[in-house]
Each structure stands twice: as structure tokens, then as C-alpha cells.
Protein backbone atom coordinates (compact mmCIF):
# COMPACT_ATOMS: atom_id res chain seq x y z
CA UNK A 1 137.89 101.21 121.96
CA UNK A 2 136.41 102.35 125.30
CA UNK A 3 132.76 102.57 124.22
CA UNK A 4 131.19 99.17 123.45
CA UNK A 5 130.19 98.68 119.85
CA UNK A 6 126.44 98.47 119.41
CA UNK A 7 125.59 95.31 117.45
CA UNK A 8 122.19 94.97 115.83
CA UNK A 9 121.58 91.29 115.04
CA UNK A 10 119.00 90.76 112.31
CA UNK A 11 117.30 87.78 110.67
CA UNK A 12 118.88 85.09 112.81
CA UNK A 13 118.23 81.70 111.16
CA UNK A 14 116.52 78.96 113.13
CA UNK A 15 119.53 76.68 112.78
CA UNK A 16 122.00 79.23 114.10
CA UNK A 17 124.07 77.92 116.99
CA UNK A 18 122.75 79.36 120.26
CA UNK A 19 126.28 80.18 121.38
CA UNK A 20 126.71 82.83 118.68
CA UNK A 21 124.48 85.47 120.28
CA UNK A 22 125.50 84.43 123.78
CA UNK A 23 129.20 84.75 122.91
CA UNK A 24 128.70 88.21 121.44
CA UNK A 25 126.69 89.36 124.45
CA UNK A 26 129.49 88.24 126.77
CA UNK A 27 132.12 90.28 124.93
CA UNK A 28 132.90 93.43 126.95
CA UNK A 29 133.66 95.34 123.72
CA UNK A 30 130.18 94.60 122.34
CA UNK A 31 126.66 95.47 123.36
CA UNK A 32 123.65 94.11 121.48
CA UNK A 33 121.02 96.70 120.58
CA UNK A 34 117.62 96.94 118.91
CA UNK A 35 116.66 98.91 115.81
CA UNK A 36 115.13 101.63 117.97
CA UNK A 37 118.56 102.26 119.51
CA UNK A 38 120.06 103.27 116.18
CA UNK A 39 118.36 106.64 116.29
CA UNK A 40 120.13 107.57 119.52
CA UNK A 41 123.61 107.43 117.99
CA UNK A 42 126.58 108.44 120.09
CA UNK A 43 128.58 105.25 119.59
CA UNK A 44 129.78 103.05 116.75
CA UNK A 45 127.27 100.48 115.55
CA UNK A 46 127.36 97.47 113.27
CA UNK A 47 124.39 95.60 111.86
CA UNK A 48 124.99 91.85 111.62
CA UNK A 49 122.60 90.62 108.95
CA UNK A 50 122.14 86.88 108.46
CA UNK A 51 121.37 86.49 104.79
CA UNK A 52 118.87 83.89 103.60
CA UNK A 53 120.01 83.15 100.06
CA UNK A 54 116.59 81.68 99.24
CA UNK A 55 114.95 85.01 100.07
CA UNK A 56 117.77 87.22 98.88
CA UNK A 57 115.44 90.08 97.90
CA UNK A 58 114.26 90.39 101.51
CA UNK A 59 117.83 90.64 102.75
CA UNK A 60 118.71 93.24 100.13
CA UNK A 61 115.65 95.30 101.06
CA UNK A 62 116.59 95.05 104.73
CA UNK A 63 120.09 96.40 104.08
CA UNK A 64 118.80 99.19 101.85
CA UNK A 65 116.36 100.26 104.56
CA UNK A 66 119.05 100.27 107.23
CA UNK A 67 121.38 102.39 105.11
CA UNK A 68 118.63 104.86 104.26
CA UNK A 69 117.83 105.40 107.94
CA UNK A 70 121.43 105.33 109.18
CA UNK A 71 123.92 106.05 106.35
CA UNK A 72 126.91 105.70 108.70
CA UNK A 73 125.82 102.28 109.96
CA UNK A 74 128.24 99.55 108.91
CA UNK A 75 126.71 96.29 107.71
CA UNK A 76 128.31 92.89 108.12
CA UNK A 77 126.61 90.12 106.13
CA UNK A 78 126.78 86.51 107.30
CA UNK A 79 126.20 84.04 104.46
CA UNK A 80 126.32 80.37 103.52
CA UNK A 81 126.93 80.70 99.77
CA UNK A 82 126.70 83.65 97.40
CA UNK A 83 126.81 83.64 93.62
CA UNK A 84 128.52 86.47 91.76
CA UNK A 85 125.14 88.06 90.99
CA UNK A 86 124.07 87.76 94.64
CA UNK A 87 127.30 89.39 95.75
CA UNK A 88 126.83 92.32 93.41
CA UNK A 89 123.24 92.82 94.60
CA UNK A 90 124.19 92.80 98.28
CA UNK A 91 127.13 95.14 97.73
CA UNK A 92 124.91 97.54 95.78
CA UNK A 93 122.44 97.50 98.67
CA UNK A 94 125.14 98.80 101.00
CA UNK A 95 126.87 95.81 102.62
CA UNK A 96 130.32 96.70 103.94
CA UNK A 97 131.79 93.24 104.58
CA UNK A 98 131.04 89.54 104.50
CA UNK A 99 131.71 86.66 106.86
CA UNK A 100 130.99 82.98 106.32
CA UNK A 101 128.28 81.40 108.48
CA UNK A 102 130.80 78.74 109.47
CA UNK A 103 133.04 81.21 111.30
CA UNK A 104 133.38 80.81 115.05
CA UNK A 105 131.76 83.32 117.44
CA UNK A 106 135.28 84.56 118.27
CA UNK A 107 136.02 85.27 114.59
CA UNK A 108 132.63 86.90 114.20
CA UNK A 109 133.29 89.19 117.14
CA UNK A 110 136.70 90.13 115.77
CA UNK A 111 135.10 90.93 112.41
CA UNK A 112 132.52 93.19 114.06
CA UNK A 113 135.16 95.10 116.00
CA UNK A 114 137.39 95.52 112.96
CA UNK A 115 134.49 96.83 110.91
CA UNK A 116 133.49 99.25 113.67
CA UNK A 117 137.06 100.57 113.72
CA UNK A 118 136.86 101.41 110.03
CA UNK A 119 138.26 98.39 108.20
CA UNK A 120 137.52 98.77 104.50
CA UNK A 121 138.00 95.20 103.35
CA UNK A 122 137.26 93.06 106.33
CA UNK A 123 136.63 89.41 105.62
CA UNK A 124 137.61 87.71 102.40
CA UNK A 125 135.04 85.50 100.74
CA UNK A 126 135.38 81.88 101.84
CA UNK A 127 136.30 79.29 99.21
CA UNK A 128 133.07 77.94 97.70
CA UNK A 129 132.68 74.18 97.19
CA UNK A 130 132.54 73.14 93.55
CA UNK A 131 128.89 72.09 93.83
CA UNK A 132 127.92 75.58 95.03
CA UNK A 133 129.94 77.23 92.28
CA UNK A 134 128.12 75.06 89.78
CA UNK A 135 124.75 76.09 91.24
CA UNK A 136 125.73 79.75 91.36
CA UNK A 137 127.06 80.34 87.85
CA UNK A 138 126.08 77.21 85.99
CA UNK A 139 129.73 76.15 85.97
CA UNK A 140 130.79 72.53 86.21
CA UNK A 141 133.49 71.65 88.76
CA UNK A 142 135.99 71.24 85.92
CA UNK A 143 135.08 74.66 84.46
CA UNK A 144 135.59 76.19 87.91
CA UNK A 145 139.01 74.55 88.09
CA UNK A 146 139.94 75.87 84.63
CA UNK A 147 138.72 79.32 85.69
CA UNK A 148 141.14 79.25 88.64
CA UNK A 149 144.10 78.78 86.33
CA UNK A 150 142.94 81.16 83.60
CA UNK A 151 142.36 83.92 86.16
CA UNK A 152 145.96 83.42 87.32
CA UNK A 153 147.18 84.19 83.80
CA UNK A 154 147.99 80.67 82.63
CA UNK A 155 147.74 79.96 78.90
CA UNK A 156 145.53 77.19 77.51
CA UNK A 157 148.61 75.02 77.03
CA UNK A 158 149.78 75.57 80.61
CA UNK A 159 146.31 74.83 82.00
CA UNK A 160 146.16 71.62 79.95
CA UNK A 161 149.49 70.47 81.32
CA UNK A 162 148.64 71.38 84.91
CA UNK A 163 145.27 69.56 84.81
CA UNK A 164 146.36 66.66 82.59
CA UNK A 165 143.89 67.64 79.86
CA UNK A 166 144.25 68.13 76.14
CA UNK A 167 144.61 71.71 74.87
CA UNK A 168 141.41 71.21 72.86
CA UNK A 169 139.51 70.27 76.03
CA UNK A 170 140.76 73.40 77.79
CA UNK A 171 139.72 75.50 74.79
CA UNK A 172 136.24 73.98 75.01
CA UNK A 173 136.01 74.79 78.71
CA UNK A 174 137.20 78.33 77.97
CA UNK A 175 134.48 78.78 75.33
CA UNK A 176 131.90 77.51 77.82
CA UNK A 177 133.17 79.98 80.42
CA UNK A 178 132.90 82.82 77.93
CA UNK A 179 129.34 81.80 77.06
CA UNK A 180 128.20 81.39 80.67
CA UNK A 181 129.91 84.46 82.12
CA UNK A 182 129.53 86.72 79.07
CA UNK A 183 133.19 87.72 79.24
CA UNK A 184 136.60 86.47 78.27
CA UNK A 185 138.74 89.33 79.61
CA UNK A 186 141.38 88.36 82.13
CA UNK A 187 140.35 91.22 84.43
CA UNK A 188 136.77 89.93 84.52
CA UNK A 189 137.87 86.33 85.04
CA UNK A 190 140.04 87.39 87.99
CA UNK A 191 137.10 89.30 89.49
CA UNK A 192 134.71 86.38 88.98
CA UNK A 193 137.11 83.89 90.56
CA UNK A 194 137.43 86.13 93.62
CA UNK A 195 133.70 86.69 93.87
CA UNK A 196 133.07 82.94 93.76
CA UNK A 197 135.69 82.40 96.43
CA UNK A 198 137.85 80.12 94.27
CA UNK A 199 141.20 79.56 95.97
CA UNK A 200 144.10 81.23 94.13
CA UNK A 201 146.57 79.10 92.21
CA UNK A 202 149.96 78.75 93.86
CA UNK A 203 152.65 78.82 91.17
CA UNK A 204 154.30 75.74 92.63
CA UNK A 205 151.02 73.78 92.62
CA UNK A 206 151.82 70.22 91.46
CA UNK A 207 150.84 68.98 88.03
CA UNK A 208 147.84 66.64 87.93
CA UNK A 209 148.51 63.09 86.81
CA UNK A 210 145.66 61.45 84.95
CA UNK A 211 143.39 64.28 86.02
CA UNK A 212 143.15 62.96 89.59
CA UNK A 213 146.31 62.30 91.62
CA UNK A 214 149.09 64.80 92.15
CA UNK A 215 152.76 64.33 91.42
CA UNK A 216 155.83 66.45 91.75
CA UNK A 217 155.83 69.55 89.58
CA UNK A 218 158.79 69.97 87.24
CA UNK A 219 160.53 73.30 87.01
CA UNK A 220 159.17 75.54 84.27
CA UNK A 221 159.78 78.96 82.88
CA UNK A 222 156.81 81.33 83.29
CA UNK A 223 158.54 84.23 81.60
CA UNK A 224 156.05 84.05 78.73
CA UNK A 225 153.35 85.14 81.16
CA UNK A 226 155.17 88.23 82.40
């Protein structure tokens, strides 16, 4: 890309590392701009919006306003933690991609360039710590763990064996998930797990022993799930 990408940085938090802006400004492929520069056009531009989850409505309004003035402007949202509802609201406002606040300036710059070049799905949601999942959806850490397995297509019996729980306990967690998320469909559970940033289950993931430590996983036949 010969023409530098115009980057509009908005709502920088007070605790943002000073090297973030400095690193972007030293990238030859990037040129920081102001909102008044958007009207000039003539080159690709990306708005980097730092989202304050406490004042989510302000961030949503900011993105809506940007998209109304410049429909072709691509919006990259930097976040600390987003619930499923927050994610839907920001996407509806017009956000094109997300990047975790913990990403390095180098990763942030790469994300901006990829988005400017037309990437559709740029940065996957970062895994969310269990405490943040619990705050976001009212899920306990154990319910979030059960959700991981259910969204991967495991049966109640398989989840119980993997997590060293009784089948009845898994059924209780599943009922709680249905009540809290208002859905029990596998498609919706898969979507929710992705939105919350829960790490996917690897089929060879060891079986829990006593609910805490991990041991070697015996071979099993998953044909019943296919």
C-alpha cells in the first residue's frame, strides 16, 4: 500500500501506554489524522476507537456518528472486556473489527493495515477470564466451562466425564445456562461461546480428575456426536 493509511484515534483512555500512539505515528504505512481530515477523502482511513465499557452508550453513539458521516470508514474497536450484549450493540453501531487492549502496538498496527486493506474478519475476540464472563452474562466459572463443552457438541454424559462431575450436576448447569441465556439451541450456544471469547475445546483435552487436576485422557469413540 503506497498511500499511508489515515488513522483517527478516538477516546484514548488515561491509562493507555504512551508508546501506543508513538508507535503508530512512527509507522511509515500509517498517518494519524483528525476528524476534520475525514471529509477530504482520497485515501483509506480507519478509526481506532478505544471503548470505555462503563460508558458503552457513548462509544456506540460515537461509532454511529462516524458511520453516518463517512459510511466507508472502517472502525476498529479496542476493548478490555465485552459481554455478548455489548458486542451485539457495538456491531449494530457499525464496528468492523475488534482488538484486545492488551495487544502490542505492533499487533495493533498490523490490525489497522489489514482492516484498511479490506479484511472482513480481522481480530478474533480474546479469551475472557472466568470472572469477566461471570460479570458479563451472570454465568459462574463452572457454567462457563460447561458452556465450552456443550457448544462443542458434547453430550451431558461426556461433559460430566470430562469435568469429573455427575450427570445430574451437568444437567443443572445446563438448565441454568438455558435460563440465563434464554436459549438451549446448539447454534446459539456456539455463538455465545465465541462472543464471550471462551477458548474452544480440543478433542484431545485431558479428562479432569477430581474436578481440579488433569490426567491422561483415555481413547474414546465420538461417533455418537457425528
